[in-house]
């Protein structure tokens, strides 16, 4: 999870608990960016469903991996569409927390 990695959390659950507002900001940002780019509408409750999933994987360690499959799409939407997401990726790079070559 990007937020947890950037904020150096030990687990997904810690990231969700300690950085709730930031997680919600990123999720809402990505939902809006994808909706705009792809012309789709997400059903209500995206954040609640993702929060429920976070509860299931609460003990998973935070990591940013498989960039091309998980984060690259959002990164390529640009800083105007995904400023928080892309800023967190840059924060991870600056802290040396990425195990891949970041563009």
C-alpha atoms as a PDB file:
ATOM      1  CA  UNK A   1       0.000   0.000   0.000  1.00  0.00           C
ATOM      2  CA  UNK A   2       1.402   3.316  -1.133  1.00  0.00           C
ATOM      3  CA  UNK A   3       0.338   5.413   1.862  1.00  0.00           C
ATOM      4  CA  UNK A   4       1.728   2.892   4.323  1.00  0.00           C
ATOM      5  CA  UNK A   5       5.029   2.653   2.492  1.00  0.00           C
ATOM      6  CA  UNK A   6       5.461   6.427   2.203  1.00  0.00           C
ATOM      7  CA  UNK A   7       4.625   6.878   5.883  1.00  0.00           C
ATOM      8  CA  UNK A   8       6.779   3.880   6.872  1.00  0.00           C
ATOM      9  CA  UNK A   9       3.966   1.898   8.492  1.00  0.00           C
ATOM     10  CA  UNK A  10       4.549  -1.691   9.509  1.00  0.00           C
ATOM     11  CA  UNK A  11       1.227  -2.955   8.151  1.00  0.00           C
ATOM     12  CA  UNK A  12      -1.759  -2.084   5.985  1.00  0.00           C
ATOM     13  CA  UNK A  13      -3.858  -1.897   9.136  1.00  0.00           C
ATOM     14  CA  UNK A  14      -1.525   0.643  10.715  1.00  0.00           C
ATOM     15  CA  UNK A  15      -1.617   2.767   7.561  1.00  0.00           C
ATOM     16  CA  UNK A  16      -5.406   2.689   7.530  1.00  0.00           C
ATOM     17  CA  UNK A  17      -5.649   3.560  11.213  1.00  0.00           C
ATOM     18  CA  UNK A  18      -2.899   6.179  11.422  1.00  0.00           C
ATOM     19  CA  UNK A  19      -3.428   7.864   8.047  1.00  0.00           C
ATOM     20  CA  UNK A  20      -7.167   7.527   7.418  1.00  0.00           C
ATOM     21  CA  UNK A  21      -7.590  10.978   5.884  1.00  0.00           C
ATOM     22  CA  UNK A  22      -4.646  10.509   3.536  1.00  0.00           C
ATOM     23  CA  UNK A  23      -5.919   7.089   2.438  1.00  0.00           C
ATOM     24  CA  UNK A  24      -9.361   8.567   1.752  1.00  0.00           C
ATOM     25  CA  UNK A  25      -7.793  11.447  -0.187  1.00  0.00           C
ATOM     26  CA  UNK A  26      -5.839   9.047  -2.399  1.00  0.00           C
ATOM     27  CA  UNK A  27      -8.808   6.739  -3.001  1.00  0.00           C
ATOM     28  CA  UNK A  28     -11.118   9.627  -3.877  1.00  0.00           C
ATOM     29  CA  UNK A  29      -8.456  11.135  -6.125  1.00  0.00           C
ATOM     30  CA  UNK A  30      -7.949   7.874  -8.016  1.00  0.00           C
ATOM     31  CA  UNK A  31     -11.681   7.222  -8.368  1.00  0.00           C
ATOM     32  CA  UNK A  32     -12.172  10.708  -9.809  1.00  0.00           C
ATOM     33  CA  UNK A  33      -9.164  10.404 -12.140  1.00  0.00           C
ATOM     34  CA  UNK A  34     -10.255   7.034 -13.530  1.00  0.00           C
ATOM     35  CA  UNK A  35     -13.845   8.215 -13.894  1.00  0.00           C
ATOM     36  CA  UNK A  36     -12.690  11.224 -15.891  1.00  0.00           C
ATOM     37  CA  UNK A  37     -10.179   9.333 -18.052  1.00  0.00           C
ATOM     38  CA  UNK A  38     -12.290   6.272 -18.805  1.00  0.00           C
ATOM     39  CA  UNK A  39     -15.749   7.850 -18.745  1.00  0.00           C
ATOM     40  CA  UNK A  40     -17.053   5.456 -16.115  1.00  0.00           C
ATOM     41  CA  UNK A  41     -18.910   5.985 -12.864  1.00  0.00           C
ATOM     42  CA  UNK A  42     -18.056   4.048  -9.742  1.00  0.00           C
ATOM     43  CA  UNK A  43     -20.957   3.003  -7.585  1.00  0.00           C
ATOM     44  CA  UNK A  44     -21.336   4.672  -4.205  1.00  0.00           C
ATOM     45  CA  UNK A  45     -19.328   3.166  -1.395  1.00  0.00           C
ATOM     46  CA  UNK A  46     -15.930   2.665  -3.022  1.00  0.00           C
ATOM     47  CA  UNK A  47     -14.158   3.912   0.092  1.00  0.00           C
ATOM     48  CA  UNK A  48     -16.240   1.724   2.414  1.00  0.00           C
ATOM     49  CA  UNK A  49     -15.514  -1.371   0.304  1.00  0.00           C
ATOM     50  CA  UNK A  50     -11.786  -0.645   0.259  1.00  0.00           C
ATOM     51  CA  UNK A  51     -11.810   0.007   4.009  1.00  0.00           C
ATOM     52  CA  UNK A  52     -13.482  -3.377   4.533  1.00  0.00           C
ATOM     53  CA  UNK A  53     -10.786  -5.016   2.398  1.00  0.00           C
ATOM     54  CA  UNK A  54      -8.113  -3.224   4.434  1.00  0.00           C
ATOM     55  CA  UNK A  55      -9.567  -4.858   7.545  1.00  0.00           C
ATOM     56  CA  UNK A  56      -9.130  -8.276   5.919  1.00  0.00           C
ATOM     57  CA  UNK A  57      -5.473  -7.642   5.045  1.00  0.00           C
ATOM     58  CA  UNK A  58      -4.672  -5.548   8.116  1.00  0.00           C
ATOM     59  CA  UNK A  59      -1.557  -7.568   9.004  1.00  0.00           C
ATOM     60  CA  UNK A  60      -0.040  -7.464   5.515  1.00  0.00           C
ATOM     61  CA  UNK A  61       3.205  -5.497   5.279  1.00  0.00           C
ATOM     62  CA  UNK A  62       3.123  -2.259   3.283  1.00  0.00           C
ATOM     63  CA  UNK A  63       5.055  -2.193   0.033  1.00  0.00           C
ATOM     64  CA  UNK A  64       4.986  -0.566  -3.365  1.00  0.00           C
ATOM     65  CA  UNK A  65       5.690  -3.290  -5.889  1.00  0.00           C
ATOM     66  CA  UNK A  66       4.677  -4.401  -9.366  1.00  0.00           C
ATOM     67  CA  UNK A  67       4.601  -0.736 -10.379  1.00  0.00           C
ATOM     68  CA  UNK A  68       3.535  -1.429 -13.948  1.00  0.00           C
ATOM     69  CA  UNK A  69       0.495  -3.391 -12.730  1.00  0.00           C
ATOM     70  CA  UNK A  70      -0.558  -1.341  -9.714  1.00  0.00           C
ATOM     71  CA  UNK A  71       0.533   2.288  -9.795  1.00  0.00           C
ATOM     72  CA  UNK A  72       1.862   3.144 -13.240  1.00  0.00           C
ATOM     73  CA  UNK A  73      -1.582   3.736 -14.770  1.00  0.00           C
ATOM     74  CA  UNK A  74      -2.359   6.376 -12.136  1.00  0.00           C
ATOM     75  CA  UNK A  75       1.118   7.874 -12.335  1.00  0.00           C
ATOM     76  CA  UNK A  76       0.741   8.330 -16.087  1.00  0.00           C
ATOM     77  CA  UNK A  77      -2.542  10.194 -15.594  1.00  0.00           C
ATOM     78  CA  UNK A  78      -0.291  12.983 -14.344  1.00  0.00           C
ATOM     79  CA  UNK A  79       0.072  15.273 -11.384  1.00  0.00           C
ATOM     80  CA  UNK A  80      -3.006  17.285 -12.258  1.00  0.00           C
ATOM     81  CA  UNK A  81      -5.242  14.204 -11.973  1.00  0.00           C
ATOM     82  CA  UNK A  82      -3.337  12.336  -9.237  1.00  0.00           C
ATOM     83  CA  UNK A  83      -1.239  14.846  -7.264  1.00  0.00           C
ATOM     84  CA  UNK A  84      -1.373  13.061  -3.910  1.00  0.00           C
ATOM     85  CA  UNK A  85      -0.741   9.610  -5.373  1.00  0.00           C
ATOM     86  CA  UNK A  86       2.169  10.796  -7.490  1.00  0.00           C
ATOM     87  CA  UNK A  87       3.585  12.841  -4.635  1.00  0.00           C
ATOM     88  CA  UNK A  88       3.564   9.765  -2.410  1.00  0.00           C
ATOM     89  CA  UNK A  89       5.421   7.803  -5.084  1.00  0.00           C
ATOM     90  CA  UNK A  90       8.071  10.531  -5.229  1.00  0.00           C
ATOM     91  CA  UNK A  91       8.236  10.537  -1.421  1.00  0.00           C
ATOM     92  CA  UNK A  92       8.909   6.785  -1.478  1.00  0.00           C
ATOM     93  CA  UNK A  93      11.638   7.285  -4.078  1.00  0.00           C
ATOM     94  CA  UNK A  94      13.296  10.042  -2.041  1.00  0.00           C
ATOM     95  CA  UNK A  95      13.291   7.780   1.036  1.00  0.00           C
ATOM     96  CA  UNK A  96      14.756   4.861  -0.944  1.00  0.00           C
ATOM     97  CA  UNK A  97      11.673   2.703  -0.364  1.00  0.00           C
ATOM     98  CA  UNK A  98      11.118   1.528  -3.949  1.00  0.00           C
ATOM     99  CA  UNK A  99      12.590  -1.731  -5.182  1.00  0.00           C
ATOM    100  CA  UNK A 100      12.293  -0.761  -8.848  1.00  0.00           C
ATOM    101  CA  UNK A 101      13.406   1.964 -11.226  1.00  0.00           C
ATOM    102  CA  UNK A 102      10.993   4.864 -10.886  1.00  0.00           C
ATOM    103  CA  UNK A 103      10.504   7.087 -13.944  1.00  0.00           C
END
